[in-house]
Structure formats: structure tokens, C-alpha cells
């Protein structure tokens, strides 16, 4: 499994979330399979986006595209940190 972990501060979560939801079809077409959104316990505007992708190449192409840079700008994203990950193990306890 390939995953991407993104941590970024947003200007306002409700505005960011509306644009995030509007981009669902674009994300799916780019290869995003599933996602989780989390926030810092003490900061509602620091968002953690953890997603599963069809391939890391597809994820990089999407996240590094000029189209997404413009979407991030409109959504009020400040300095995102992208971490590309390959799963090595999964378990349930």
C-alpha cells in the first residue's frame, strides 16, 4: 500500500474543508483511494490528511501539480509538508 501524509496549517478549517470536498473527484481520478482527516488536539486549523493512493508516482504527480498548488492557495493552505510512505506492515491488537 502507498500512502501520503500531509500536515498543513489552514487559514480557516470550514473554508478549507469546502474546497477539499469539491476536489473529491479530482483526487479520485488522480489515484486517491481513501483518506482520513485529523486535526491537532489544540489547533483546529492544523490539519493532518492521511490518504491511500494507487501509486506514489500518481500521488507525487497530483500533489506537485500547478493545478493543486492553485487549489491549495484558494483553500488558504500554509506551507504543506508532504510525506510519501510505503506500508510495510499492518496489524490489529
N, C-alpha and C. Protein backbone atom coordinates (compact mmCIF):
# COMPACT_ATOMS: atom_id res chain seq x y z
N UNK A 1 0.83 -1.18 0.00
CA UNK A 1 0.00 0.00 0.00
C UNK A 1 0.88 1.25 0.00
N UNK A 2 0.43 2.23 -0.71
CA UNK A 2 1.13 3.51 -0.75
C UNK A 2 0.26 4.57 -0.07
N UNK A 3 0.89 5.38 0.74
CA UNK A 3 0.17 6.41 1.50
C UNK A 3 0.89 7.74 1.39
N UNK A 4 0.13 8.80 1.64
CA UNK A 4 0.69 10.14 1.74
C UNK A 4 0.18 10.74 3.04
N UNK A 5 1.09 11.33 3.77
CA UNK A 5 0.76 12.05 5.00
C UNK A 5 1.06 13.52 4.73
N UNK A 6 0.04 14.35 4.90
CA UNK A 6 0.20 15.78 4.69
C UNK A 6 -0.17 16.49 5.99
N UNK A 7 0.71 17.36 6.42
CA UNK A 7 0.43 18.19 7.58
C UNK A 7 0.50 19.63 7.12
N UNK A 8 -0.58 20.37 7.34
CA UNK A 8 -0.57 21.77 6.95
C UNK A 8 -1.50 22.60 7.82
N UNK A 9 -1.11 23.85 7.94
CA UNK A 9 -1.95 24.82 8.62
C UNK A 9 -2.86 25.44 7.57
N UNK A 10 -4.10 25.67 7.94
CA UNK A 10 -5.05 26.33 7.04
C UNK A 10 -5.55 27.61 7.71
N UNK A 11 -5.96 28.56 6.88
CA UNK A 11 -6.45 29.83 7.43
C UNK A 11 -7.72 29.62 8.24
N UNK A 12 -8.63 28.79 7.72
CA UNK A 12 -9.89 28.50 8.42
C UNK A 12 -10.38 27.14 7.96
N UNK A 13 -10.54 26.22 8.91
CA UNK A 13 -10.92 24.85 8.57
C UNK A 13 -12.21 24.78 7.73
N UNK A 14 -13.30 25.46 8.08
CA UNK A 14 -14.53 25.32 7.28
C UNK A 14 -14.34 25.70 5.80
N UNK A 15 -13.58 26.75 5.54
CA UNK A 15 -13.32 27.16 4.15
C UNK A 15 -12.46 26.12 3.45
N UNK A 16 -11.43 25.64 4.13
CA UNK A 16 -10.57 24.61 3.55
C UNK A 16 -11.37 23.35 3.24
N UNK A 17 -12.21 22.93 4.19
CA UNK A 17 -12.98 21.68 4.03
C UNK A 17 -13.93 21.76 2.84
N UNK A 18 -14.54 22.91 2.62
CA UNK A 18 -15.44 23.06 1.47
C UNK A 18 -14.68 22.83 0.16
N UNK A 19 -13.50 23.39 0.05
CA UNK A 19 -12.70 23.21 -1.17
C UNK A 19 -12.18 21.79 -1.26
N UNK A 20 -11.77 21.20 -0.14
CA UNK A 20 -11.33 19.81 -0.10
C UNK A 20 -12.44 18.90 -0.64
N UNK A 21 -13.66 19.10 -0.17
CA UNK A 21 -14.80 18.28 -0.63
C UNK A 21 -15.08 18.48 -2.10
N UNK A 22 -14.96 19.70 -2.59
CA UNK A 22 -15.19 19.98 -4.01
C UNK A 22 -14.17 19.28 -4.90
N UNK A 23 -12.99 19.00 -4.36
CA UNK A 23 -11.92 18.37 -5.13
C UNK A 23 -11.95 16.84 -5.05
N UNK A 24 -12.99 16.25 -4.49
CA UNK A 24 -13.03 14.79 -4.32
C UNK A 24 -12.88 14.06 -5.64
N UNK A 25 -13.58 14.48 -6.67
CA UNK A 25 -13.50 13.79 -7.96
C UNK A 25 -12.10 13.92 -8.57
N UNK A 26 -11.49 15.07 -8.41
CA UNK A 26 -10.13 15.28 -8.93
C UNK A 26 -9.16 14.35 -8.20
N UNK A 27 -9.30 14.26 -6.88
CA UNK A 27 -8.42 13.38 -6.11
C UNK A 27 -8.61 11.92 -6.50
N UNK A 28 -9.86 11.52 -6.65
CA UNK A 28 -10.14 10.13 -7.03
C UNK A 28 -9.57 9.81 -8.40
N UNK A 29 -9.77 10.70 -9.37
CA UNK A 29 -9.24 10.49 -10.71
C UNK A 29 -7.71 10.45 -10.74
N UNK A 30 -7.09 11.14 -9.79
CA UNK A 30 -5.63 11.16 -9.71
C UNK A 30 -5.07 9.89 -9.07
N UNK A 31 -5.93 9.13 -8.36
CA UNK A 31 -5.47 7.88 -7.77
C UNK A 31 -5.65 7.76 -6.28
N UNK A 32 -6.29 8.74 -5.63
CA UNK A 32 -6.52 8.62 -4.20
C UNK A 32 -7.61 7.57 -3.98
N UNK A 33 -7.37 6.64 -3.08
CA UNK A 33 -8.30 5.54 -2.82
C UNK A 33 -9.14 5.81 -1.58
N UNK A 34 -8.49 6.29 -0.53
CA UNK A 34 -9.20 6.58 0.72
C UNK A 34 -8.42 7.66 1.46
N UNK A 35 -9.08 8.25 2.46
CA UNK A 35 -8.41 9.29 3.24
C UNK A 35 -8.97 9.35 4.65
N UNK A 36 -8.18 9.95 5.52
CA UNK A 36 -8.59 10.29 6.88
C UNK A 36 -8.17 11.73 7.10
N UNK A 37 -9.00 12.49 7.77
CA UNK A 37 -8.64 13.84 8.19
C UNK A 37 -8.57 13.86 9.70
N UNK A 38 -7.51 14.45 10.21
CA UNK A 38 -7.33 14.61 11.64
C UNK A 38 -6.91 16.05 11.88
N UNK A 39 -7.05 16.49 13.10
CA UNK A 39 -6.56 17.82 13.45
C UNK A 39 -5.79 17.73 14.74
N UNK A 40 -4.94 18.70 14.94
CA UNK A 40 -4.21 18.76 16.20
C UNK A 40 -5.21 18.98 17.33
N UNK A 41 -4.96 18.37 18.45
CA UNK A 41 -5.85 18.48 19.59
C UNK A 41 -6.04 19.92 20.06
N UNK A 42 -4.97 20.69 19.95
CA UNK A 42 -5.02 22.06 20.45
C UNK A 42 -5.04 23.13 19.36
N UNK A 43 -5.27 22.72 18.10
CA UNK A 43 -5.27 23.68 16.99
C UNK A 43 -6.16 23.16 15.86
N UNK A 44 -7.37 23.66 15.78
CA UNK A 44 -8.34 23.18 14.79
C UNK A 44 -7.94 23.53 13.37
N UNK A 45 -6.97 24.41 13.17
CA UNK A 45 -6.56 24.80 11.83
C UNK A 45 -5.25 24.15 11.38
N UNK A 46 -4.73 23.20 12.16
CA UNK A 46 -3.62 22.38 11.70
C UNK A 46 -4.19 21.01 11.37
N UNK A 47 -4.18 20.70 10.08
CA UNK A 47 -4.85 19.52 9.55
C UNK A 47 -3.83 18.46 9.16
N UNK A 48 -4.16 17.22 9.46
CA UNK A 48 -3.39 16.06 9.02
C UNK A 48 -4.28 15.29 8.06
N UNK A 49 -3.81 15.14 6.83
CA UNK A 49 -4.54 14.42 5.78
C UNK A 49 -3.72 13.16 5.49
N UNK A 50 -4.27 12.01 5.82
CA UNK A 50 -3.61 10.73 5.60
C UNK A 50 -4.41 9.99 4.54
N UNK A 51 -3.77 9.63 3.43
CA UNK A 51 -4.52 9.03 2.33
C UNK A 51 -3.77 7.84 1.72
N UNK A 52 -4.56 6.95 1.15
CA UNK A 52 -4.04 5.78 0.43
C UNK A 52 -4.14 6.07 -1.06
N UNK A 53 -3.11 5.69 -1.80
CA UNK A 53 -3.03 6.00 -3.23
C UNK A 53 -2.76 4.75 -4.06
N UNK A 54 -3.16 4.82 -5.31
CA UNK A 54 -2.90 3.71 -6.24
C UNK A 54 -1.41 3.54 -6.50
N UNK A 55 -0.66 4.64 -6.46
CA UNK A 55 0.80 4.59 -6.57
C UNK A 55 1.37 5.90 -6.04
N UNK A 56 2.61 5.84 -5.58
CA UNK A 56 3.25 7.07 -5.11
C UNK A 56 3.56 7.99 -6.27
N UNK A 57 3.80 7.44 -7.45
CA UNK A 57 4.03 8.28 -8.63
C UNK A 57 2.78 9.12 -8.93
N UNK A 58 1.60 8.49 -8.85
CA UNK A 58 0.36 9.24 -9.06
C UNK A 58 0.18 10.32 -8.00
N UNK A 59 0.49 9.98 -6.75
CA UNK A 59 0.34 10.94 -5.66
C UNK A 59 1.29 12.13 -5.86
N UNK A 60 2.54 11.85 -6.18
CA UNK A 60 3.50 12.94 -6.40
C UNK A 60 3.06 13.82 -7.56
N UNK A 61 2.64 13.21 -8.64
CA UNK A 61 2.20 13.97 -9.81
C UNK A 61 1.05 14.90 -9.42
N UNK A 62 0.12 14.39 -8.64
CA UNK A 62 -1.03 15.19 -8.22
C UNK A 62 -0.62 16.31 -7.26
N UNK A 63 0.08 15.94 -6.18
CA UNK A 63 0.39 16.93 -5.16
C UNK A 63 1.39 17.98 -5.63
N UNK A 64 2.18 17.68 -6.62
CA UNK A 64 3.17 18.63 -7.13
C UNK A 64 2.68 19.37 -8.38
N UNK A 65 1.42 19.18 -8.75
CA UNK A 65 0.89 19.81 -9.96
C UNK A 65 0.55 21.29 -9.72
N UNK A 66 0.68 22.10 -10.77
CA UNK A 66 0.28 23.51 -10.66
C UNK A 66 -1.21 23.65 -10.34
N UNK A 67 -2.02 22.73 -10.84
CA UNK A 67 -3.46 22.77 -10.56
C UNK A 67 -3.72 22.67 -9.06
N UNK A 68 -3.04 21.75 -8.40
CA UNK A 68 -3.26 21.60 -6.97
C UNK A 68 -2.66 22.77 -6.19
N UNK A 69 -1.56 23.32 -6.66
CA UNK A 69 -0.99 24.50 -6.00
C UNK A 69 -2.01 25.63 -5.97
N UNK A 70 -2.74 25.81 -7.05
CA UNK A 70 -3.78 26.84 -7.11
C UNK A 70 -4.94 26.52 -6.17
N UNK A 71 -5.34 25.25 -6.12
CA UNK A 71 -6.41 24.83 -5.20
C UNK A 71 -5.98 25.09 -3.76
N UNK A 72 -4.73 24.74 -3.43
CA UNK A 72 -4.24 24.98 -2.07
C UNK A 72 -4.25 26.47 -1.73
N UNK A 73 -3.86 27.29 -2.69
CA UNK A 73 -3.85 28.74 -2.47
C UNK A 73 -5.25 29.23 -2.15
N UNK A 74 -6.24 28.80 -2.95
CA UNK A 74 -7.63 29.21 -2.73
C UNK A 74 -8.17 28.71 -1.39
N UNK A 75 -7.67 27.57 -0.95
CA UNK A 75 -8.15 26.96 0.30
C UNK A 75 -7.47 27.53 1.54
N UNK A 76 -6.49 28.40 1.35
CA UNK A 76 -5.81 29.00 2.49
C UNK A 76 -4.79 28.10 3.17
N UNK A 77 -4.20 27.19 2.40
CA UNK A 77 -3.19 26.28 2.95
C UNK A 77 -1.87 27.01 3.10
N UNK A 78 -1.25 26.82 4.27
CA UNK A 78 0.05 27.43 4.55
C UNK A 78 1.12 26.35 4.64
N UNK A 79 2.12 26.38 3.77
CA UNK A 79 3.31 25.54 3.81
C UNK A 79 3.03 24.06 4.11
N UNK A 80 2.41 23.34 3.17
CA UNK A 80 2.16 21.92 3.43
C UNK A 80 3.45 21.10 3.45
N UNK A 81 3.43 20.06 4.25
CA UNK A 81 4.54 19.12 4.32
C UNK A 81 4.03 17.77 3.82
N UNK A 82 4.56 17.30 2.69
CA UNK A 82 4.14 16.04 2.09
C UNK A 82 5.13 14.95 2.44
N UNK A 83 4.62 13.83 2.95
CA UNK A 83 5.46 12.69 3.29
C UNK A 83 4.89 11.48 2.54
N UNK A 84 5.69 10.90 1.65
CA UNK A 84 5.26 9.76 0.84
C UNK A 84 5.72 8.48 1.52
N UNK A 85 4.79 7.55 1.74
CA UNK A 85 5.05 6.37 2.56
C UNK A 85 4.64 5.08 1.87
N UNK A 86 5.41 4.02 2.10
CA UNK A 86 5.04 2.69 1.66
C UNK A 86 4.80 1.83 2.89
N UNK A 87 3.64 1.22 2.95
CA UNK A 87 3.30 0.37 4.09
C UNK A 87 4.17 -0.87 4.11
N UNK A 88 4.65 -1.20 5.30
CA UNK A 88 5.43 -2.43 5.43
C UNK A 88 4.73 -3.45 6.32
N UNK A 89 3.78 -2.98 7.13
CA UNK A 89 3.07 -3.92 7.98
C UNK A 89 1.79 -3.26 8.50
N UNK A 90 0.78 -4.09 8.74
CA UNK A 90 -0.47 -3.61 9.32
C UNK A 90 -0.94 -4.66 10.30
N UNK A 91 -1.51 -4.23 11.41
CA UNK A 91 -1.99 -5.18 12.40
C UNK A 91 -3.13 -4.60 13.20
N UNK A 92 -3.80 -5.48 13.88
CA UNK A 92 -4.89 -5.10 14.78
C UNK A 92 -4.64 -5.80 16.10
N UNK A 93 -4.72 -5.07 17.17
CA UNK A 93 -4.48 -5.64 18.51
C UNK A 93 -5.75 -5.60 19.33
